[in-house]
Amino acid sequence: MTASSSPSYRHAPAWLRVAAMVAMAAGIGVWTAVLLAPTPRETLPVLDSRVPPVQDTTPVARWFGGKPLRVHVTALGVIAGDDGSGAALLSVDGGPPRAYRVGQSLAPGVSLDGVTASAVSIAQDGLVEHVALPTRAGSGLRGFVPVHAESP
């Protein structure tokens, strides 16, 4: 083999050798920066304005032998239909009175089951409890009658 017939990088144009060395240096620089870059720190948590969903922990309490907590409901007034539908003004665990429709949830695991003219039915822990409306002595009125809450 003669020196003129063998392919050699020495006979390549000078600009091609310079471009190859620049490309190799750039590649080494990029990979060095990628591999030796500091790891990012843990980002700070962002404030979440959404309200977390309320979870019913009754099954867990029963699993560990605990008794489920009972919610105390006080009936203050009703608008009742003949078929058990309607709405009731209720105070849950001594809180402010709120209006609830039949089927609406009062608390996790507690819902308004039915409304009659003299009582409401509360479904709680698989049991239906009837809560009577307080009556005023000597009042034979029907319809919209103001009812005052009795203190327990």
N, C-alpha and C. Protein backbone atom coordinates (compact mmCIF):
# COMPACT_ATOMS: atom_id res chain seq x y z
N MET A 1 0.82 -1.17 0.00
CA MET A 1 0.00 0.00 0.00
C MET A 1 0.87 1.24 0.00
N THR A 2 0.48 2.10 -0.80
CA THR A 2 1.25 3.33 -0.88
C THR A 2 0.56 4.40 -0.06
N ALA A 3 1.28 5.40 0.25
CA ALA A 3 0.75 6.48 1.07
C ALA A 3 -0.32 7.25 0.32
N SER A 4 -0.25 7.28 -0.99
CA SER A 4 -1.24 8.03 -1.74
C SER A 4 -2.55 7.27 -1.89
N SER A 5 -2.53 5.93 -1.83
CA SER A 5 -3.75 5.15 -2.02
C SER A 5 -4.51 4.88 -0.73
N SER A 6 -3.88 5.02 0.41
CA SER A 6 -4.58 4.74 1.68
C SER A 6 -5.38 5.96 2.13
N PRO A 7 -6.68 5.72 2.55
CA PRO A 7 -7.47 6.84 3.04
C PRO A 7 -6.93 7.28 4.39
N SER A 8 -6.78 8.55 4.57
CA SER A 8 -6.21 9.07 5.80
C SER A 8 -6.86 10.40 6.12
N TYR A 9 -7.01 10.66 7.39
CA TYR A 9 -7.60 11.91 7.81
C TYR A 9 -6.66 13.08 7.57
N ARG A 10 -5.40 12.76 7.35
CA ARG A 10 -4.42 13.82 7.12
C ARG A 10 -4.67 14.51 5.78
N HIS A 11 -5.32 13.84 4.86
CA HIS A 11 -5.55 14.43 3.54
C HIS A 11 -6.89 15.12 3.47
N ALA A 12 -7.71 15.08 4.54
CA ALA A 12 -8.99 15.76 4.55
C ALA A 12 -8.76 17.26 4.59
N PRO A 13 -9.70 18.02 4.07
CA PRO A 13 -9.53 19.48 4.10
C PRO A 13 -9.46 19.97 5.54
N ALA A 14 -8.79 21.05 5.78
CA ALA A 14 -8.58 21.59 7.12
C ALA A 14 -9.89 22.03 7.76
N TRP A 15 -10.82 22.59 7.01
CA TRP A 15 -12.09 23.04 7.58
C TRP A 15 -12.93 21.88 8.07
N LEU A 16 -12.81 20.71 7.42
CA LEU A 16 -13.56 19.53 7.86
C LEU A 16 -13.02 19.01 9.18
N ARG A 17 -11.69 19.04 9.34
CA ARG A 17 -11.09 18.61 10.61
C ARG A 17 -11.49 19.55 11.74
N VAL A 18 -11.53 20.84 11.48
CA VAL A 18 -11.92 21.83 12.49
C VAL A 18 -13.39 21.64 12.88
N ALA A 19 -14.26 21.41 11.91
CA ALA A 19 -15.69 21.20 12.20
C ALA A 19 -15.91 19.94 13.04
N ALA A 20 -15.17 18.88 12.74
CA ALA A 20 -15.29 17.64 13.51
C ALA A 20 -14.84 17.85 14.95
N MET A 21 -13.77 18.59 15.14
CA MET A 21 -13.28 18.83 16.51
C MET A 21 -14.25 19.72 17.28
N VAL A 22 -14.86 20.71 16.63
CA VAL A 22 -15.83 21.58 17.28
C VAL A 22 -17.08 20.78 17.67
N ALA A 23 -17.53 19.91 16.78
CA ALA A 23 -18.71 19.07 17.08
C ALA A 23 -18.42 18.13 18.24
N MET A 24 -17.22 17.55 18.26
CA MET A 24 -16.86 16.65 19.35
C MET A 24 -16.76 17.42 20.67
N ALA A 25 -16.19 18.60 20.66
CA ALA A 25 -16.08 19.41 21.86
C ALA A 25 -17.46 19.84 22.36
N ALA A 26 -18.36 20.19 21.44
CA ALA A 26 -19.72 20.58 21.83
C ALA A 26 -20.46 19.39 22.44
N GLY A 27 -20.32 18.23 21.84
CA GLY A 27 -20.97 17.03 22.39
C GLY A 27 -20.46 16.69 23.78
N ILE A 28 -19.17 16.77 23.96
CA ILE A 28 -18.59 16.49 25.29
C ILE A 28 -19.07 17.53 26.29
N GLY A 29 -19.16 18.79 25.88
CA GLY A 29 -19.62 19.84 26.78
C GLY A 29 -21.08 19.66 27.19
N VAL A 30 -21.91 19.34 26.22
CA VAL A 30 -23.33 19.15 26.52
C VAL A 30 -23.53 17.96 27.46
N TRP A 31 -22.92 16.82 27.14
CA TRP A 31 -23.10 15.64 28.00
C TRP A 31 -22.48 15.84 29.39
N THR A 32 -21.39 16.58 29.47
CA THR A 32 -20.80 16.88 30.78
C THR A 32 -21.77 17.73 31.60
N ALA A 33 -22.38 18.72 30.95
CA ALA A 33 -23.33 19.58 31.67
C ALA A 33 -24.57 18.78 32.11
N VAL A 34 -25.03 17.88 31.27
CA VAL A 34 -26.21 17.07 31.62
C VAL A 34 -25.91 16.11 32.75
N LEU A 35 -24.79 15.43 32.66
CA LEU A 35 -24.47 14.41 33.67
C LEU A 35 -24.00 14.98 35.00
N LEU A 36 -23.39 16.14 34.98
CA LEU A 36 -22.87 16.73 36.22
C LEU A 36 -23.76 17.83 36.78
N ALA A 37 -24.94 18.03 36.20
CA ALA A 37 -25.85 19.06 36.69
C ALA A 37 -26.37 18.68 38.07
N PRO A 38 -26.57 19.65 38.96
CA PRO A 38 -27.10 19.33 40.29
C PRO A 38 -28.55 18.84 40.18
N THR A 39 -28.91 17.95 41.07
CA THR A 39 -30.28 17.44 41.07
C THR A 39 -31.21 18.52 41.62
N PRO A 40 -32.39 18.67 41.03
CA PRO A 40 -33.30 19.71 41.52
C PRO A 40 -33.81 19.36 42.91
N ARG A 41 -33.97 20.39 43.70
CA ARG A 41 -34.53 20.19 45.05
C ARG A 41 -36.02 19.94 44.94
N GLU A 42 -36.55 19.43 46.01
CA GLU A 42 -38.00 19.18 46.05
C GLU A 42 -38.71 20.53 46.02
N THR A 43 -39.70 20.64 45.15
CA THR A 43 -40.42 21.90 45.05
C THR A 43 -41.36 22.07 46.23
N LEU A 44 -41.60 23.31 46.59
CA LEU A 44 -42.49 23.60 47.70
C LEU A 44 -43.92 23.28 47.31
N PRO A 45 -44.72 22.79 48.25
CA PRO A 45 -46.10 22.47 47.91
C PRO A 45 -46.88 23.74 47.56
N VAL A 46 -47.76 23.60 46.61
CA VAL A 46 -48.60 24.70 46.18
C VAL A 46 -49.88 24.66 47.02
N LEU A 47 -50.36 25.82 47.42
CA LEU A 47 -51.59 25.86 48.19
C LEU A 47 -52.74 25.38 47.33
N ASP A 48 -53.52 24.46 47.88
CA ASP A 48 -54.66 23.91 47.16
C ASP A 48 -55.92 24.52 47.75
N SER A 49 -56.66 25.23 46.94
CA SER A 49 -57.85 25.91 47.45
C SER A 49 -59.08 25.03 47.44
N ARG A 50 -58.98 23.84 46.87
CA ARG A 50 -60.13 22.95 46.86
C ARG A 50 -60.35 22.35 48.26
N VAL A 51 -61.58 22.14 48.60
CA VAL A 51 -61.93 21.53 49.88
C VAL A 51 -61.84 20.02 49.70
N PRO A 52 -61.08 19.34 50.58
CA PRO A 52 -60.98 17.89 50.42
C PRO A 52 -62.33 17.23 50.68
N PRO A 53 -62.62 16.15 49.98
CA PRO A 53 -63.89 15.48 50.20
C PRO A 53 -63.95 14.86 51.59
N VAL A 54 -65.12 14.89 52.18
CA VAL A 54 -65.31 14.30 53.50
C VAL A 54 -65.41 12.79 53.34
N GLN A 55 -64.66 12.07 54.13
CA GLN A 55 -64.66 10.62 54.02
C GLN A 55 -65.39 10.02 55.21
N ASP A 56 -66.19 9.01 54.92
CA ASP A 56 -66.93 8.33 55.96
C ASP A 56 -66.01 7.26 56.57
N THR A 57 -65.66 7.43 57.85
CA THR A 57 -64.76 6.49 58.52
C THR A 57 -65.51 5.48 59.38
N THR A 58 -66.83 5.41 59.23
CA THR A 58 -67.62 4.48 60.03
C THR A 58 -67.20 3.03 59.82
N PRO A 59 -67.01 2.55 58.57
CA PRO A 59 -66.59 1.15 58.40
C PRO A 59 -65.25 0.85 59.07
N VAL A 60 -64.33 1.81 59.04
CA VAL A 60 -63.03 1.59 59.69
C VAL A 60 -63.21 1.50 61.20
N ALA A 61 -64.04 2.36 61.77
CA ALA A 61 -64.29 2.32 63.21
C ALA A 61 -64.92 0.99 63.61
N ARG A 62 -65.84 0.50 62.80
CA ARG A 62 -66.47 -0.79 63.11
C ARG A 62 -65.46 -1.93 63.00
N TRP A 63 -64.57 -1.84 62.03
CA TRP A 63 -63.57 -2.90 61.83
C TRP A 63 -62.68 -3.04 63.07
N PHE A 64 -62.34 -1.93 63.68
CA PHE A 64 -61.48 -1.96 64.85
C PHE A 64 -62.27 -2.01 66.16
N GLY A 65 -63.54 -2.31 66.08
CA GLY A 65 -64.34 -2.51 67.28
C GLY A 65 -64.89 -1.25 67.89
N GLY A 66 -64.73 -0.13 67.26
CA GLY A 66 -65.25 1.12 67.79
C GLY A 66 -66.71 1.29 67.46
N LYS A 67 -67.40 2.00 68.29
CA LYS A 67 -68.80 2.28 68.03
C LYS A 67 -68.88 3.53 67.14
N PRO A 68 -69.77 3.51 66.19
CA PRO A 68 -69.90 4.70 65.34
C PRO A 68 -70.42 5.88 66.14
N LEU A 69 -69.97 7.05 65.77
CA LEU A 69 -70.42 8.26 66.44
C LEU A 69 -71.84 8.58 66.00
N ARG A 70 -72.66 8.93 66.94
CA ARG A 70 -74.04 9.28 66.63
C ARG A 70 -74.14 10.79 66.46
N VAL A 71 -74.87 11.20 65.45
CA VAL A 71 -75.10 12.61 65.19
C VAL A 71 -76.41 12.99 65.85
N HIS A 72 -76.39 14.07 66.64
CA HIS A 72 -77.60 14.53 67.32
C HIS A 72 -78.31 15.53 66.41
N VAL A 73 -79.56 15.23 66.04
CA VAL A 73 -80.33 16.07 65.13
C VAL A 73 -81.53 16.62 65.89
N THR A 74 -81.75 17.92 65.79
CA THR A 74 -82.92 18.57 66.38
C THR A 74 -83.77 19.12 65.25
N ALA A 75 -85.05 18.71 65.23
CA ALA A 75 -85.98 19.19 64.21
C ALA A 75 -86.60 20.50 64.68
N LEU A 76 -86.55 21.51 63.82
CA LEU A 76 -87.08 22.82 64.19
C LEU A 76 -88.34 23.19 63.40
N GLY A 77 -88.52 22.61 62.23
CA GLY A 77 -89.70 22.89 61.42
C GLY A 77 -89.70 22.02 60.18
N VAL A 78 -90.87 21.82 59.58
CA VAL A 78 -90.98 20.97 58.40
C VAL A 78 -91.95 21.56 57.39
N ILE A 79 -91.76 21.16 56.15
CA ILE A 79 -92.75 21.34 55.09
C ILE A 79 -92.92 19.93 54.54
N ALA A 80 -94.06 19.31 54.85
CA ALA A 80 -94.24 17.89 54.56
C ALA A 80 -95.27 17.69 53.47
N GLY A 81 -95.00 16.69 52.62
CA GLY A 81 -95.96 16.24 51.63
C GLY A 81 -96.64 14.97 52.12
N ASP A 82 -97.71 14.57 51.47
CA ASP A 82 -98.42 13.36 51.89
C ASP A 82 -97.63 12.09 51.61
N ASP A 83 -96.70 12.14 50.68
CA ASP A 83 -95.94 10.94 50.30
C ASP A 83 -94.60 10.82 51.03
N GLY A 84 -94.35 11.60 52.07
CA GLY A 84 -93.09 11.53 52.82
C GLY A 84 -92.02 12.44 52.27
N SER A 85 -92.32 13.15 51.20
CA SER A 85 -91.35 14.09 50.65
C SER A 85 -91.49 15.42 51.36
N GLY A 86 -90.58 16.29 51.12
CA GLY A 86 -90.64 17.62 51.72
C GLY A 86 -89.27 18.09 52.15
N ALA A 87 -89.28 19.02 53.07
CA ALA A 87 -88.04 19.60 53.57
C ALA A 87 -88.18 19.83 55.06
N ALA A 88 -87.04 19.94 55.72
CA ALA A 88 -87.05 20.15 57.17
C ALA A 88 -85.97 21.14 57.55
N LEU A 89 -86.24 21.91 58.57
CA LEU A 89 -85.26 22.82 59.15
C LEU A 89 -84.65 22.09 60.34
N LEU A 90 -83.37 21.73 60.22
CA LEU A 90 -82.72 20.88 61.22
C LEU A 90 -81.45 21.54 61.75
N SER A 91 -81.15 21.22 63.00
CA SER A 91 -79.90 21.61 63.62
C SER A 91 -79.11 20.32 63.86
N VAL A 92 -77.92 20.22 63.28
CA VAL A 92 -77.10 19.02 63.39
C VAL A 92 -75.99 19.27 64.41
N ASP A 93 -75.96 18.47 65.45
CA ASP A 93 -74.97 18.58 66.54
C ASP A 93 -74.89 19.98 67.13
N GLY A 94 -76.03 20.62 67.32
CA GLY A 94 -76.08 21.93 67.94
C GLY A 94 -75.66 23.07 67.04
N GLY A 95 -75.48 22.79 65.76
CA GLY A 95 -75.06 23.83 64.81
C GLY A 95 -76.23 24.73 64.43
N PRO A 96 -75.98 25.69 63.58
CA PRO A 96 -77.06 26.59 63.15
C PRO A 96 -78.08 25.82 62.31
N PRO A 97 -79.34 26.23 62.37
CA PRO A 97 -80.38 25.54 61.60
C PRO A 97 -80.15 25.71 60.10
N ARG A 98 -80.37 24.61 59.37
CA ARG A 98 -80.26 24.61 57.91
C ARG A 98 -81.42 23.82 57.34
N ALA A 99 -81.82 24.18 56.15
CA ALA A 99 -82.91 23.47 55.47
C ALA A 99 -82.33 22.29 54.69
N TYR A 100 -82.98 21.13 54.81
CA TYR A 100 -82.57 19.91 54.12
C TYR A 100 -83.78 19.31 53.41
N ARG A 101 -83.56 18.75 52.24
CA ARG A 101 -84.60 18.03 51.51
C ARG A 101 -84.46 16.53 51.81
N VAL A 102 -85.53 15.79 51.57
CA VAL A 102 -85.50 14.34 51.77
C VAL A 102 -84.45 13.75 50.84
N GLY A 103 -83.59 12.89 51.40
CA GLY A 103 -82.51 12.26 50.65
C GLY A 103 -81.19 12.99 50.75
N GLN A 104 -81.19 14.21 51.24
CA GLN A 104 -79.96 14.99 51.34
C GLN A 104 -79.14 14.52 52.54
N SER A 105 -77.82 14.59 52.41
CA SER A 105 -76.91 14.16 53.46
C SER A 105 -76.77 15.27 54.52
N LEU A 106 -76.89 14.90 55.79
CA LEU A 106 -76.70 15.84 56.90
C LEU A 106 -75.26 15.83 57.38
N ALA A 107 -74.64 14.66 57.34
CA ALA A 107 -73.26 14.43 57.75
C ALA A 107 -72.85 13.12 57.08
N PRO A 108 -71.58 12.77 57.10
CA PRO A 108 -71.17 11.50 56.49
C PRO A 108 -71.92 10.33 57.14
N GLY A 109 -72.64 9.58 56.32
CA GLY A 109 -73.38 8.42 56.81
C GLY A 109 -74.74 8.75 57.41
N VAL A 110 -75.16 10.01 57.35
CA VAL A 110 -76.43 10.44 57.94
C VAL A 110 -77.21 11.21 56.87
N SER A 111 -78.49 10.82 56.66
CA SER A 111 -79.30 11.52 55.67
C SER A 111 -80.73 11.66 56.17
N LEU A 112 -81.43 12.62 55.58
CA LEU A 112 -82.85 12.85 55.89
C LEU A 112 -83.64 11.84 55.08
N ASP A 113 -84.34 10.93 55.77
CA ASP A 113 -85.02 9.81 55.11
C ASP A 113 -86.47 10.14 54.77
N GLY A 114 -87.15 10.90 55.61
CA GLY A 114 -88.54 11.22 55.36
C GLY A 114 -89.01 12.36 56.24
N VAL A 115 -90.14 12.98 55.83
CA VAL A 115 -90.71 14.10 56.58
C VAL A 115 -92.21 13.88 56.70
N THR A 116 -92.73 14.01 57.91
CA THR A 116 -94.17 14.02 58.13
C THR A 116 -94.51 15.33 58.83
N ALA A 117 -95.78 15.56 59.08
CA ALA A 117 -96.20 16.81 59.70
C ALA A 117 -95.74 16.91 61.15
N SER A 118 -95.42 15.79 61.80
CA SER A 118 -95.07 15.85 63.22
C SER A 118 -93.66 15.35 63.53
N ALA A 119 -92.95 14.79 62.54
CA ALA A 119 -91.62 14.24 62.82
C ALA A 119 -90.81 14.15 61.53
N VAL A 120 -89.52 13.93 61.70
CA VAL A 120 -88.64 13.66 60.57
C VAL A 120 -87.98 12.31 60.82
N SER A 121 -87.62 11.61 59.75
CA SER A 121 -86.92 10.33 59.85
C SER A 121 -85.49 10.54 59.40
N ILE A 122 -84.55 10.14 60.24
CA ILE A 122 -83.12 10.31 59.97
C ILE A 122 -82.51 8.92 59.83
N ALA A 123 -81.88 8.64 58.68
CA ALA A 123 -81.18 7.38 58.47
C ALA A 123 -79.73 7.56 58.90
N GLN A 124 -79.32 6.74 59.88
CA GLN A 124 -77.98 6.87 60.45
C GLN A 124 -77.47 5.49 60.83
N ASP A 125 -76.35 5.09 60.28
CA ASP A 125 -75.72 3.81 60.58
C ASP A 125 -76.65 2.64 60.30
N GLY A 126 -77.41 2.71 59.23
CA GLY A 126 -78.30 1.62 58.87
C GLY A 126 -79.60 1.59 59.65
N LEU A 127 -79.81 2.51 60.56
CA LEU A 127 -81.03 2.58 61.35
C LEU A 127 -81.78 3.85 61.00
N VAL A 128 -83.10 3.78 61.07
CA VAL A 128 -83.92 4.95 60.84
C VAL A 128 -84.46 5.42 62.18
N GLU A 129 -84.16 6.65 62.52
CA GLU A 129 -84.57 7.24 63.79
C GLU A 129 -85.61 8.32 63.51
N HIS A 130 -86.68 8.33 64.29
CA HIS A 130 -87.73 9.34 64.13
C HIS A 130 -87.51 10.43 65.18
N VAL A 131 -87.40 11.66 64.72
CA VAL A 131 -87.21 12.80 65.60
C VAL A 131 -88.48 13.64 65.53
N ALA A 132 -89.16 13.73 66.67
CA ALA A 132 -90.43 14.47 66.71
C ALA A 132 -90.18 15.96 66.79
N LEU A 133 -91.10 16.70 66.21
CA LEU A 133 -91.04 18.15 66.32
C LEU A 133 -91.54 18.56 67.69
N PRO A 134 -90.94 19.56 68.30
CA PRO A 134 -91.46 20.03 69.58
C PRO A 134 -92.85 20.65 69.37
N THR A 135 -93.77 20.36 70.29
CA THR A 135 -95.13 20.89 70.17
C THR A 135 -95.33 22.01 71.16
N ARG A 136 -96.19 22.94 70.79
CA ARG A 136 -96.54 24.03 71.69
C ARG A 136 -97.89 23.69 72.31
N ALA A 137 -98.00 23.83 73.59
CA ALA A 137 -99.23 23.49 74.30
C ALA A 137 -100.38 24.37 73.83
N GLY A 138 -101.55 23.75 73.57
CA GLY A 138 -102.75 24.48 73.22
C GLY A 138 -102.76 24.98 71.78
N SER A 139 -101.85 24.53 70.96
CA SER A 139 -101.81 24.99 69.58
C SER A 139 -102.39 23.91 68.68
N GLY A 140 -103.50 24.21 68.04
CA GLY A 140 -104.09 23.28 67.10
C GLY A 140 -103.90 23.76 65.68
N LEU A 141 -102.94 24.62 65.43
CA LEU A 141 -102.71 25.20 64.12
C LEU A 141 -102.00 24.21 63.21
N ARG A 142 -102.28 24.32 61.91
CA ARG A 142 -101.59 23.51 60.91
C ARG A 142 -100.99 24.44 59.87
N GLY A 143 -100.00 24.00 59.17
CA GLY A 143 -99.38 24.83 58.14
C GLY A 143 -98.05 25.38 58.63
N PHE A 144 -97.75 26.61 58.28
CA PHE A 144 -96.50 27.23 58.70
C PHE A 144 -96.63 27.71 60.13
N VAL A 145 -96.06 26.93 61.04
CA VAL A 145 -96.14 27.24 62.46
C VAL A 145 -94.72 27.43 62.98
N PRO A 146 -94.41 28.54 63.59
CA PRO A 146 -93.06 28.71 64.14
C PRO A 146 -92.83 27.74 65.30
N VAL A 147 -91.70 27.09 65.31
CA VAL A 147 -91.34 26.13 66.35
C VAL A 147 -90.06 26.62 66.98
N HIS A 148 -90.03 26.70 68.30
CA HIS A 148 -88.85 27.14 69.01
C HIS A 148 -88.06 25.93 69.48
N ALA A 149 -86.76 25.99 69.31
CA ALA A 149 -85.89 24.87 69.70
C ALA A 149 -85.86 24.78 71.21
N GLU A 150 -85.96 23.56 71.69
CA GLU A 150 -85.86 23.32 73.13
C GLU A 150 -84.41 22.98 73.43
N SER A 151 -83.90 23.52 74.48
CA SER A 151 -82.52 23.20 74.85
C SER A 151 -82.50 21.84 75.54
N PRO A 152 -81.53 20.99 75.18
CA PRO A 152 -81.45 19.64 75.75
C PRO A 152 -81.03 19.65 77.19
